[in-house]
């Protein structure tokens, strides 16, 4: 089974100039956990709900040096309002793993598992043509190999 047989072809993307709020809205409205970030139709990053959530929390060094700044939970929650207009180019992952359409799905799944990711853009000629995720792979393998016996 190949990635091109299972990938979702209608890929929602976002530009790196999008704001934190716009990215959050795209994920929320489309019930997604992450989307590719594109510029001139080429992938330059990936933004996930985990990336957006992580921004709300301090880095270890910052917390270690100034723990008093991070113990007020209401103040932490208000940080979401403070960062709503920051562009996602600051938060996105820039090193994005991609796969080609002719890769076997188990190889794609192994890459996701080894790298702790749930989705990978499918790229051909430097253009996004689809997206594959663990759930798609699991369901296909279970249906094709496990449940048929």
Protein backbone atom coordinates (compact mmCIF):
# COMPACT_ATOMS: atom_id res chain seq x y z
CA UNK A 1 0.00 0.00 0.00
CA UNK A 2 1.39 3.40 -1.00
CA UNK A 3 0.95 6.84 0.54
CA UNK A 4 -0.84 8.13 -2.59
CA UNK A 5 -3.56 5.52 -2.09
CA UNK A 6 -4.44 6.80 1.38
CA UNK A 7 -3.44 10.47 1.58
CA UNK A 8 -5.98 13.24 1.99
CA UNK A 9 -5.84 15.34 -1.13
CA UNK A 10 -7.63 18.48 0.04
CA UNK A 11 -4.95 20.01 2.23
CA UNK A 12 -5.66 23.11 4.25
CA UNK A 13 -2.56 25.29 4.48
CA UNK A 14 -1.67 28.60 6.06
CA UNK A 15 0.85 31.34 5.29
CA UNK A 16 3.71 32.24 7.63
CA UNK A 17 2.28 35.75 7.95
CA UNK A 18 -0.86 34.37 9.59
CA UNK A 19 -1.26 35.34 13.20
CA UNK A 20 -1.45 33.05 16.20
CA UNK A 21 -5.17 33.78 16.35
CA UNK A 22 -5.69 32.98 12.65
CA UNK A 23 -3.77 29.71 12.97
CA UNK A 24 -5.77 28.74 16.05
CA UNK A 25 -9.00 29.54 14.18
CA UNK A 26 -8.00 27.42 11.16
CA UNK A 27 -7.21 24.44 13.41
CA UNK A 28 -10.34 24.90 15.53
CA UNK A 29 -12.80 25.51 12.69
CA UNK A 30 -11.50 22.59 10.62
CA UNK A 31 -11.04 20.19 13.55
CA UNK A 32 -7.35 19.79 12.70
CA UNK A 33 -4.31 19.25 14.89
CA UNK A 34 -1.86 20.88 12.49
CA UNK A 35 -1.39 22.37 9.03
CA UNK A 36 1.49 22.97 6.63
CA UNK A 37 2.79 26.52 6.36
CA UNK A 38 3.38 27.54 2.75
CA UNK A 39 4.95 30.33 0.76
CA UNK A 40 4.56 30.43 -3.03
CA UNK A 41 2.91 27.00 -2.87
CA UNK A 42 6.00 25.46 -1.28
CA UNK A 43 6.13 24.09 2.25
CA UNK A 44 8.29 26.14 4.61
CA UNK A 45 7.00 24.89 7.96
CA UNK A 46 4.30 23.20 9.97
CA UNK A 47 2.19 24.58 12.81
CA UNK A 48 0.38 22.30 15.22
CA UNK A 49 -1.92 22.81 18.16
CA UNK A 50 0.97 21.59 20.31
CA UNK A 51 3.17 24.40 18.94
CA UNK A 52 0.46 26.96 19.71
CA UNK A 53 -0.14 25.53 23.18
CA UNK A 54 3.58 25.43 23.97
CA UNK A 55 3.83 29.20 23.42
CA UNK A 56 1.60 29.72 26.44
CA UNK A 57 4.19 28.18 28.76
CA UNK A 58 7.63 29.40 29.74
CA UNK A 59 10.86 27.89 28.63
CA UNK A 60 12.63 26.04 31.40
CA UNK A 61 15.39 28.66 31.79
CA UNK A 62 12.88 31.48 32.04
CA UNK A 63 10.84 29.62 34.63
CA UNK A 64 13.96 28.66 36.59
CA UNK A 65 15.20 32.26 36.74
CA UNK A 66 11.83 33.91 37.47
CA UNK A 67 9.33 31.36 38.84
CA UNK A 68 7.26 34.11 40.43
CA UNK A 69 6.30 35.31 36.95
CA UNK A 70 4.68 31.99 36.16
CA UNK A 71 2.71 31.03 39.25
CA UNK A 72 -0.29 33.27 38.57
CA UNK A 73 -2.56 31.06 36.45
CA UNK A 74 -4.83 33.93 35.43
CA UNK A 75 -1.82 35.83 34.15
CA UNK A 76 -0.70 32.74 32.19
CA UNK A 77 -4.14 32.42 30.62
CA UNK A 78 -4.06 36.08 29.59
CA UNK A 79 -0.87 35.39 27.63
CA UNK A 80 -3.06 33.94 24.88
CA UNK A 81 -4.52 37.41 24.42
CA UNK A 82 -1.04 38.97 24.41
CA UNK A 83 0.25 36.76 21.60
CA UNK A 84 -2.86 36.64 19.41
CA UNK A 85 -1.35 38.99 16.80
CA UNK A 86 2.14 37.48 16.65
CA UNK A 87 2.87 35.81 13.32
CA UNK A 88 3.25 32.04 13.29
CA UNK A 89 6.59 32.24 11.55
CA UNK A 90 7.95 32.62 15.09
CA UNK A 91 6.29 29.45 16.39
CA UNK A 92 6.17 27.03 13.48
CA UNK A 93 8.46 24.06 13.03
CA UNK A 94 10.80 24.85 10.17
CA UNK A 95 12.34 21.42 9.66
CA UNK A 96 9.39 19.52 8.26
CA UNK A 97 9.52 15.84 7.38
CA UNK A 98 7.71 15.09 4.16
CA UNK A 99 7.06 11.96 2.15
CA UNK A 100 6.57 11.23 -1.51
CA UNK A 101 3.38 9.71 -2.90
CA UNK A 102 5.09 6.44 -3.83
CA UNK A 103 6.44 5.69 -0.35
CA UNK A 104 4.97 2.58 1.31
CA UNK A 105 2.57 3.58 4.09
CA UNK A 106 4.39 1.48 6.67
CA UNK A 107 7.59 3.41 5.92
CA UNK A 108 5.71 6.68 6.37
CA UNK A 109 4.22 5.39 9.61
CA UNK A 110 7.65 4.34 10.86
CA UNK A 111 8.98 7.85 10.15
CA UNK A 112 6.11 9.39 12.09
CA UNK A 113 6.58 7.05 15.02
CA UNK A 114 10.36 7.52 15.13
CA UNK A 115 10.00 11.31 15.06
CA UNK A 116 6.99 11.67 17.35
CA UNK A 117 4.76 13.30 14.76
CA UNK A 118 1.20 12.57 13.69
CA UNK A 119 0.99 14.11 10.22
CA UNK A 120 3.29 14.50 7.26
CA UNK A 121 2.77 16.48 4.08
CA UNK A 122 3.00 14.52 0.87
CA UNK A 123 5.19 16.42 -1.58
CA UNK A 124 5.88 15.99 -5.27
CA UNK A 125 8.04 18.41 -7.28
CA UNK A 126 8.29 20.65 -4.17
CA UNK A 127 4.50 21.07 -4.06
CA UNK A 128 2.12 19.73 -1.44
CA UNK A 129 -0.24 17.24 -3.04
CA UNK A 130 -1.66 15.65 0.10
CA UNK A 131 -1.25 14.84 3.75
CA UNK A 132 -0.94 11.50 5.52
CA UNK A 133 -1.43 10.86 9.21
CA UNK A 134 -1.16 8.03 11.69
CA UNK A 135 -4.91 7.56 11.94
CA UNK A 136 -5.26 7.00 8.19
CA UNK A 137 -2.44 4.46 8.25
CA UNK A 138 -3.72 2.64 11.34
CA UNK A 139 -7.22 2.31 9.95
CA UNK A 140 -5.99 1.06 6.59
CA UNK A 141 -3.65 -1.51 8.12
CA UNK A 142 -6.26 -2.71 10.60
CA UNK A 143 -8.92 -2.99 7.90
CA UNK A 144 -6.65 -4.60 5.31
CA UNK A 145 -4.52 -6.87 7.47
CA UNK A 146 -6.05 -7.37 10.91
CA UNK A 147 -9.82 -7.36 10.47
CA UNK A 148 -10.01 -9.46 7.32
CA UNK A 149 -8.96 -12.66 9.09
